[in-house]
Amino acid sequence: MTFSIVARSADGESWGVAVASKFLAVGSAVPAAVARVGAIATQADANISYKFVGLAHLDEGATAQVALDRLLEEDDGREDRQVGIVDSDGTPATFTGRDCFDWAGGSAGQTDDGAGYAIQGNILTGPEVVEAMVAAFSDAHDQPFARQLLAALRAGDDAGGDRRGRQSAALLVVREGAGYGGFDDTAVDLRVDDHAAPVTELTRLLDLNDLYLTASTPEEQVAVTDEIHDELEAFARAHGHEHFREWVGSENYEMRVAPGLRPEWIDRQVLAIVRGQA
């Protein structure tokens, strides 16, 4: 009743899961990932403990296949399970039990640039869903990793996805120090729990995530000259704030403006927002 992609980025820095289903809040059940350890999706008649036990096996040095074999060996309900795993090296493994509802199956491999993936689904319209996801993930190699995962998910959705319909979707990406303020490894953790077009809604949320919860790259940073500083301070006062830093905090743009009352740089998107509002 679910289709998913579990992957490691080609640069070896990020791990993630993208998933969609005709199931309420699929993001609460299926995905798990730890930076420098690996990622996993457990679905069909999901055994939620697979997420924690599987990641523990990976953390102890097991490969994706060894971790998967251990999970299945210890589970009498293995033939009702579907699992995808990618380990720290980007090596993938996927499993579909004999009793998963048709159409069910998966594919594991690596793209030409070295991104490892495990793609799997059950109760799908057919194998074309998995095939479309494999092709889209490879074709999107030049996109940021979260967008690459989302491209695969969107392709699966467009190809038919869950044959019962649509309800929820989720995207989880981890990378060392990528979290809010650099205090954890969660680069993206977005869930659409109940929606008529969950993959489309997930795309909208990722756009917002990139703006609010992703740090500006050097290419996005505009140096704050005396002229721009005066412009920003005047803007803040016109909008009822004592100084621009107060406005930044009130609008949640801390990841997009340098710290301090006299920031050294401002993100070009935020500067455009300021000028648009002015």
Protein backbone atom coordinates (compact mmCIF):
# COMPACT_ATOMS: atom_id res chain seq x y z
CA MET A 1 0.00 0.00 0.00
CA THR A 2 3.05 2.20 -0.35
CA PHE A 3 5.88 3.15 -2.68
CA SER A 4 9.21 4.54 -1.53
CA ILE A 5 12.79 5.31 -2.39
CA VAL A 6 15.66 4.95 0.10
CA ALA A 7 18.96 6.40 -1.07
CA ARG A 8 22.38 7.86 -0.38
CA SER A 9 23.53 10.87 -2.39
CA ALA A 10 26.26 10.55 -4.98
CA ASP A 11 28.63 12.70 -2.91
CA GLY A 12 28.25 10.33 0.05
CA GLU A 13 27.09 13.10 2.38
CA SER A 14 23.32 12.60 2.61
CA TRP A 15 20.84 9.78 3.22
CA GLY A 16 17.11 9.93 2.77
CA VAL A 17 13.69 8.40 2.21
CA ALA A 18 10.75 9.63 0.14
CA VAL A 19 7.45 7.76 0.44
CA ALA A 20 3.79 8.04 -0.58
CA SER A 21 0.75 5.92 0.16
CA LYS A 22 -3.01 5.57 0.45
CA PHE A 23 -2.45 5.43 4.20
CA LEU A 24 -2.84 8.06 6.90
CA ALA A 25 0.43 9.73 7.96
CA VAL A 26 2.78 7.37 6.14
CA GLY A 27 5.72 9.46 7.33
CA SER A 28 5.08 8.35 10.91
CA ALA A 29 5.58 4.69 10.05
CA VAL A 30 7.84 4.09 7.06
CA PRO A 31 11.05 6.21 6.99
CA ALA A 32 14.10 6.40 9.22
CA ALA A 33 17.65 7.63 8.62
CA VAL A 34 20.80 8.55 10.52
CA ALA A 35 23.64 10.56 8.99
CA ARG A 36 26.80 8.51 8.32
CA VAL A 37 24.85 5.34 9.18
CA GLY A 38 22.16 4.78 6.58
CA ALA A 39 18.44 4.90 5.81
CA ILE A 40 15.55 2.45 5.82
CA ALA A 41 11.91 2.17 4.78
CA THR A 42 9.62 -0.49 6.29
CA GLN A 43 6.24 -0.95 4.61
CA ALA A 44 3.49 -3.35 3.45
CA ASP A 45 2.59 -4.98 6.79
CA ALA A 46 5.25 -2.72 8.28
CA ASN A 47 7.33 -3.90 11.21
CA ILE A 48 8.16 -0.55 12.79
CA SER A 49 10.95 -2.07 14.87
CA TYR A 50 12.87 -2.63 11.64
CA LYS A 51 13.72 1.08 11.62
CA PHE A 52 15.52 1.05 14.95
CA VAL A 53 16.96 -2.44 14.86
CA GLY A 54 18.04 -2.09 11.24
CA LEU A 55 19.81 1.21 11.85
CA ALA A 56 21.50 -0.32 14.90
CA HIS A 57 22.84 -3.15 12.71
CA LEU A 58 24.14 -0.59 10.21
CA ASP A 59 25.72 1.45 13.00
CA GLU A 60 27.56 -1.66 14.14
CA GLY A 61 29.08 -2.01 10.66
CA ALA A 62 26.66 -4.36 8.91
CA THR A 63 26.11 -3.84 5.20
CA ALA A 64 22.61 -3.15 3.95
CA GLN A 65 22.15 -6.77 2.86
CA VAL A 66 23.47 -8.19 6.13
CA ALA A 67 21.22 -5.86 8.13
CA LEU A 68 18.25 -6.88 5.98
CA ASP A 69 19.03 -10.58 6.36
CA ARG A 70 19.20 -10.23 10.14
CA LEU A 71 15.87 -8.40 10.27
CA LEU A 72 14.13 -11.03 8.18
CA GLU A 73 15.72 -13.96 10.00
CA GLU A 74 14.29 -12.74 13.31
CA ASP A 75 10.78 -12.06 11.96
CA ASP A 76 8.17 -14.80 11.50
CA GLY A 77 6.04 -12.33 9.52
CA ARG A 78 8.76 -11.66 6.95
CA GLU A 79 6.65 -12.69 3.96
CA ASP A 80 4.23 -9.83 4.68
CA ARG A 81 7.02 -7.24 4.85
CA GLN A 82 8.63 -4.94 2.34
CA VAL A 83 11.90 -3.20 3.15
CA GLY A 84 14.47 -0.95 1.52
CA ILE A 85 17.86 -0.17 3.07
CA VAL A 86 20.92 1.84 2.06
CA ASP A 87 24.03 1.67 4.21
CA SER A 88 26.80 4.17 4.96
CA ASP A 89 28.66 3.28 1.76
CA GLY A 90 25.56 3.71 -0.38
CA THR A 91 25.12 -0.01 -0.95
CA PRO A 92 21.40 -0.82 -1.25
CA ALA A 93 19.18 -3.80 -0.52
CA THR A 94 15.46 -4.35 -1.03
CA PHE A 95 13.05 -7.13 -0.08
CA THR A 96 9.45 -7.93 -0.96
CA GLY A 97 7.77 -10.79 0.88
CA ARG A 98 5.81 -13.40 -1.04
CA ASP A 99 2.54 -12.42 0.66
CA CYS A 100 2.65 -8.69 -0.15
CA PHE A 101 -0.38 -7.61 -2.17
CA ASP A 102 0.04 -7.24 -5.93
CA TRP A 103 1.56 -5.51 -7.62
CA ALA A 104 4.57 -5.64 -5.33
CA GLY A 105 8.27 -5.52 -6.06
CA GLY A 106 11.39 -3.42 -6.01
CA SER A 107 14.73 -2.50 -7.55
CA ALA A 108 18.09 -1.73 -5.98
CA GLY A 109 21.18 -0.30 -7.62
CA GLN A 110 23.40 2.71 -8.18
CA THR A 111 23.24 5.57 -10.64
CA ASP A 112 26.15 6.31 -12.96
CA ASP A 113 27.45 8.94 -10.54
CA GLY A 114 27.32 6.61 -7.54
CA ALA A 115 24.06 7.38 -5.75
CA GLY A 116 22.77 4.17 -4.19
CA TYR A 117 19.03 3.51 -4.11
CA ALA A 118 16.45 0.93 -3.07
CA ILE A 119 13.00 1.49 -4.58
CA GLN A 120 10.00 -0.63 -3.63
CA GLY A 121 6.22 -0.62 -3.60
CA ASN A 122 3.16 -2.75 -2.99
CA ILE A 123 -0.49 -2.54 -4.08
CA LEU A 124 0.81 -0.57 -7.06
CA THR A 125 -0.80 -0.16 -10.46
CA GLY A 126 2.10 -2.20 -11.84
CA PRO A 127 5.88 -2.49 -12.25
CA GLU A 128 5.90 0.74 -14.27
CA VAL A 129 5.75 2.65 -10.97
CA VAL A 130 9.12 1.31 -9.80
CA GLU A 131 10.59 1.60 -13.30
CA ALA A 132 9.59 5.26 -13.53
CA MET A 133 11.10 5.99 -10.13
CA VAL A 134 14.42 4.40 -11.06
CA ALA A 135 14.62 6.43 -14.27
CA ALA A 136 13.60 9.70 -12.63
CA PHE A 137 16.09 9.33 -9.77
CA SER A 138 18.92 8.81 -12.24
CA ASP A 139 17.77 11.62 -14.52
CA ALA A 140 17.62 14.09 -11.61
CA HIS A 141 21.29 13.59 -10.68
CA ASP A 142 22.03 17.30 -11.13
CA GLN A 143 19.40 18.39 -8.59
CA PRO A 144 19.88 18.78 -4.82
CA PHE A 145 19.45 15.42 -3.13
CA ALA A 146 16.06 16.18 -1.56
CA ARG A 147 14.79 17.28 -4.99
CA GLN A 148 16.23 14.13 -6.55
CA LEU A 149 14.29 11.96 -4.10
CA LEU A 150 11.15 13.99 -4.70
CA ALA A 151 11.58 13.65 -8.47
CA ALA A 152 11.55 9.87 -8.08
CA LEU A 153 8.48 9.98 -5.86
CA ARG A 154 6.65 12.27 -8.28
CA ALA A 155 7.49 9.96 -11.18
CA GLY A 156 6.06 6.99 -9.30
CA ASP A 157 2.93 8.96 -8.51
CA ASP A 158 2.53 10.03 -12.13
CA ALA A 159 3.00 6.43 -13.28
CA GLY A 160 0.04 5.28 -11.20
CA GLY A 161 1.42 4.88 -7.69
CA ASP A 162 -0.76 3.17 -5.11
CA ARG A 163 -3.67 1.67 -7.06
CA ARG A 164 -6.08 2.51 -4.23
CA GLY A 165 -5.43 6.24 -4.53
CA ARG A 166 -3.53 8.98 -2.72
CA GLN A 167 -3.50 10.15 0.88
CA SER A 168 -0.10 10.92 2.41
CA ALA A 169 3.57 11.45 1.61
CA ALA A 170 6.80 12.20 3.45
CA LEU A 171 10.40 13.22 2.82
CA LEU A 172 13.29 12.68 5.24
CA VAL A 173 16.90 13.70 4.51
CA VAL A 174 19.83 13.68 6.93
CA ARG A 175 23.31 15.15 6.59
CA GLU A 176 25.87 15.98 9.27
CA GLY A 177 25.21 19.43 10.75
CA ALA A 178 22.43 20.20 8.28
CA GLY A 179 19.69 20.81 10.85
CA TYR A 180 18.28 24.10 12.11
CA GLY A 181 21.16 26.24 13.35
CA GLY A 182 23.51 23.32 12.69
CA PHE A 183 22.50 21.62 15.94
CA ASP A 184 21.35 18.30 14.45
CA ASP A 185 21.58 16.34 11.20
CA THR A 186 18.00 16.66 9.93
CA ALA A 187 18.13 18.55 6.64
CA VAL A 188 14.50 17.82 5.67
CA ASP A 189 11.70 16.22 7.69
CA LEU A 190 8.38 16.93 5.99
CA ARG A 191 5.08 15.06 6.17
CA VAL A 192 1.75 15.43 4.41
CA ASP A 193 -0.54 13.30 6.55
CA ASP A 194 -3.88 13.55 4.74
CA HIS A 195 -4.27 15.32 1.40
CA ALA A 196 -5.90 14.78 -1.98
CA ALA A 197 -2.57 15.44 -3.76
CA PRO A 198 0.10 14.65 -1.16
CA VAL A 199 3.13 14.58 -3.48
CA THR A 200 2.22 17.99 -4.90
CA GLU A 201 1.76 19.34 -1.39
CA LEU A 202 5.10 17.85 -0.35
CA THR A 203 6.74 19.78 -3.18
CA ARG A 204 5.25 23.02 -1.87
CA LEU A 205 6.48 22.26 1.63
CA LEU A 206 9.99 21.54 0.37
CA ASP A 207 10.06 24.99 -1.24
CA LEU A 208 9.20 26.50 2.16
CA ASN A 209 11.74 24.26 3.90
CA ASP A 210 14.47 25.50 1.58
CA LEU A 211 13.61 29.11 2.38
CA TYR A 212 13.15 28.88 6.15
CA LEU A 213 15.21 25.91 7.30
CA THR A 214 18.15 25.74 4.89
CA ALA A 215 21.22 27.91 5.33
CA SER A 216 22.18 30.25 2.52
CA THR A 217 24.98 29.15 0.25
CA PRO A 218 27.80 31.61 -0.49
CA GLU A 219 26.31 32.11 -3.96
CA GLU A 220 23.02 33.24 -2.39
CA GLN A 221 24.62 35.76 -0.02
CA VAL A 222 24.58 39.47 -0.86
CA ALA A 223 27.09 41.66 1.00
CA VAL A 224 25.37 44.24 3.18
CA THR A 225 26.83 47.60 2.16
CA ASP A 226 26.15 50.78 4.11
CA GLU A 227 23.42 51.61 1.60
CA ILE A 228 21.73 48.21 1.97
CA HIS A 229 22.07 48.38 5.75
CA ASP A 230 20.27 51.72 5.82
CA GLU A 231 17.61 50.28 3.51
CA LEU A 232 17.07 47.29 5.80
CA GLU A 233 16.85 49.38 8.96
CA ALA A 234 14.37 51.76 7.36
CA PHE A 235 12.29 48.80 6.22
CA ALA A 236 12.26 47.32 9.73
CA ARG A 237 11.20 50.61 11.36
CA ALA A 238 8.45 51.05 8.76
CA HIS A 239 7.12 47.64 9.78
CA GLY A 240 7.12 48.36 13.51
CA HIS A 241 10.46 46.87 14.52
CA GLU A 242 13.28 48.53 16.41
CA HIS A 243 15.90 47.12 14.07
CA PHE A 244 16.22 44.71 11.17
CA ARG A 245 17.45 41.82 13.33
CA GLU A 246 14.14 41.92 15.18
CA TRP A 247 12.24 41.64 11.88
CA VAL A 248 14.45 38.70 10.81
CA GLY A 249 13.58 36.86 14.02
CA SER A 250 9.88 37.60 13.73
CA GLU A 251 9.77 36.23 10.17
CA ASN A 252 11.98 33.17 10.91
CA TYR A 253 14.74 34.05 8.44
CA GLU A 254 17.62 33.39 10.84
CA MET A 255 19.16 30.83 8.49
CA ARG A 256 19.16 33.39 5.67
CA VAL A 257 20.70 36.47 7.28
CA ALA A 258 24.12 36.74 8.95
CA PRO A 259 24.01 37.18 12.74
CA GLY A 260 24.34 40.50 14.53
CA LEU A 261 22.71 43.91 14.43
CA ARG A 262 24.91 44.78 11.46
CA PRO A 263 24.81 41.57 9.38
CA GLU A 264 27.63 41.02 6.90
CA TRP A 265 25.30 39.48 4.32
CA ILE A 266 21.67 38.84 3.51
CA ASP A 267 20.21 36.09 1.37
CA ARG A 268 19.15 37.36 -2.03
CA GLN A 269 15.69 35.79 -1.63
CA VAL A 270 15.14 37.62 1.66
CA LEU A 271 16.42 40.86 0.15
CA ALA A 272 13.93 40.42 -2.70
CA ILE A 273 11.16 39.83 -0.16
CA VAL A 274 12.13 43.01 1.68
CA ARG A 275 12.15 45.06 -1.50
CA GLY A 276 8.89 43.51 -2.65
CA GLN A 277 7.16 44.36 0.61
CA ALA A 278 8.65 47.84 0.68
